[in-house]
Amino acid sequence: MRKIYHLKTCSTCQRILKSLPKIETFQLQDIKAEPMTVKQLEEMQKLAGSYEALFSKRATLYKEMGLKDEQLSEADFRRYILEHYTFLSRPVIIADDKIFVGNSPKVVQQAIEYLSK
């Protein structure tokens, strides 16, 4: 499977998408226009190892809701990601059996190197 979960309105996501080789081989899903399903999130979790690895602690809503002061469980991370797309660390790039989560330069570089093979 080759899929990218992103936000069409996010300039960072768009910049990263433009930098990826072989982007035409991916199915793109704008998570605001087409919310993730439970099954899709579960598939991501299996590849990432945890829901926390998929969760964005940089989201404004995370601070506004006071979640940074709470001890969140895996079930909490899962629930919040499903409730609101902003809690998914984006983009999420799935290529074959590999997953690349978020927009840190290191993760983006790893994705580019993997896709360039």
Protein backbone atom coordinates (compact mmCIF):
# COMPACT_ATOMS: atom_id res chain seq x y z
CA MET A 1 0.00 0.00 0.00
CA ARG A 2 1.14 3.50 -0.80
CA LYS A 3 -0.89 6.17 0.89
CA ILE A 4 -0.41 9.64 2.34
CA TYR A 5 -2.70 11.15 4.94
CA HIS A 6 -2.35 14.93 4.84
CA LEU A 7 -4.17 18.25 5.05
CA LYS A 8 -4.71 19.99 1.74
CA THR A 9 -4.72 23.38 3.49
CA CYS A 10 -1.44 22.78 5.35
CA SER A 11 1.48 24.49 3.63
CA THR A 12 3.98 22.20 5.38
CA CYS A 13 2.18 19.09 4.10
CA GLN A 14 2.07 20.53 0.58
CA ARG A 15 5.80 21.38 0.66
CA ILE A 16 6.63 17.85 1.80
CA LEU A 17 4.41 16.27 -0.86
CA LYS A 18 6.24 18.25 -3.54
CA SER A 19 9.59 17.00 -2.25
CA LEU A 20 8.66 13.31 -2.39
CA PRO A 21 9.81 11.20 -5.33
CA LYS A 22 7.25 8.98 -7.08
CA ILE A 23 4.32 10.88 -5.53
CA GLU A 24 2.13 9.73 -8.42
CA THR A 25 2.29 6.18 -7.04
CA PHE A 26 0.49 7.24 -3.85
CA GLN A 27 -3.15 7.56 -2.96
CA LEU A 28 -3.63 10.91 -1.20
CA GLN A 29 -6.25 11.39 1.50
CA ASP A 30 -7.07 14.87 2.76
CA ILE A 31 -8.10 14.00 6.33
CA LYS A 32 -10.27 17.09 6.69
CA ALA A 33 -12.35 16.37 3.59
CA GLU A 34 -12.28 12.58 4.03
CA PRO A 35 -11.88 11.65 7.71
CA MET A 36 -9.88 8.56 8.61
CA THR A 37 -11.75 5.41 9.43
CA VAL A 38 -11.15 3.31 12.54
CA LYS A 39 -9.65 0.62 10.30
CA GLN A 40 -7.22 3.08 8.68
CA LEU A 41 -6.08 4.37 12.07
CA GLU A 42 -5.61 0.82 13.34
CA GLU A 43 -3.45 0.02 10.29
CA MET A 44 -1.32 3.09 10.99
CA GLN A 45 -0.98 2.11 14.66
CA LYS A 46 0.26 -1.37 13.73
CA LEU A 47 3.01 0.14 11.57
CA ALA A 48 3.89 2.95 14.01
CA GLY A 49 3.80 0.80 17.13
CA SER A 50 1.47 3.02 19.15
CA TYR A 51 -1.27 5.62 18.88
CA GLU A 52 0.96 8.04 20.78
CA ALA A 53 3.48 7.88 17.91
CA LEU A 54 0.72 9.16 15.60
CA PHE A 55 -0.49 11.86 17.98
CA SER A 56 0.46 15.51 17.53
CA LYS A 57 1.30 17.16 20.82
CA ARG A 58 1.93 20.37 18.89
CA ALA A 59 -1.73 20.79 17.98
CA THR A 60 -3.30 23.99 19.32
CA LEU A 61 -6.31 22.01 20.49
CA TYR A 62 -4.00 19.83 22.61
CA LYS A 63 -3.05 22.86 24.69
CA GLU A 64 -6.51 24.47 24.60
CA MET A 65 -8.15 21.33 25.99
CA GLY A 66 -5.51 21.07 28.73
CA LEU A 67 -4.42 17.64 27.51
CA LYS A 68 -0.76 18.48 28.06
CA ASP A 69 -1.46 18.41 31.80
CA GLU A 70 -3.12 14.98 31.68
CA GLN A 71 -1.67 11.48 31.62
CA LEU A 72 -3.11 10.10 28.37
CA SER A 73 -3.47 6.38 27.67
CA GLU A 74 -3.24 4.66 24.28
CA ALA A 75 -7.05 4.56 24.27
CA ASP A 76 -7.12 8.34 24.83
CA PHE A 77 -4.69 9.00 21.97
CA ARG A 78 -6.79 6.79 19.68
CA ARG A 79 -10.05 8.48 20.67
CA TYR A 80 -8.72 12.03 20.21
CA ILE A 81 -7.21 11.24 16.80
CA LEU A 82 -10.54 9.81 15.66
CA GLU A 83 -12.49 12.74 17.12
CA HIS A 84 -10.48 15.48 15.41
CA TYR A 85 -8.06 15.35 12.49
CA THR A 86 -5.80 17.98 14.06
CA PHE A 87 -4.51 15.39 16.53
CA LEU A 88 -2.90 13.29 13.79
CA SER A 89 0.75 14.18 13.32
CA ARG A 90 0.97 14.91 9.61
CA PRO A 91 1.68 13.93 7.02
CA VAL A 92 1.55 10.18 7.50
CA ILE A 93 3.30 8.45 4.62
CA ILE A 94 2.78 4.72 4.21
CA ALA A 95 4.97 3.04 1.64
CA ASP A 96 4.75 -0.73 1.47
CA ASP A 97 5.30 -1.84 5.10
CA LYS A 98 7.02 1.38 6.22
CA ILE A 99 5.45 4.38 7.93
CA PHE A 100 6.80 7.91 8.21
CA VAL A 101 4.91 10.12 10.67
CA GLY A 102 5.14 13.88 10.94
CA ASN A 103 7.10 16.68 9.38
CA SER A 104 10.42 16.69 11.19
CA PRO A 105 13.34 17.09 8.78
CA LYS A 106 14.72 13.70 9.88
CA VAL A 107 11.45 11.85 9.12
CA VAL A 108 11.00 13.63 5.79
CA GLN A 109 14.58 12.79 4.77
CA GLN A 110 14.06 9.13 5.72
CA ALA A 111 10.91 9.04 3.58
CA ILE A 112 12.68 10.63 0.61
CA GLU A 113 15.60 8.20 0.89
CA TYR A 114 13.27 5.19 1.13
CA LEU A 115 11.15 6.32 -1.83
CA SER A 116 14.22 7.06 -3.96
CA LYS A 117 15.27 3.40 -3.94
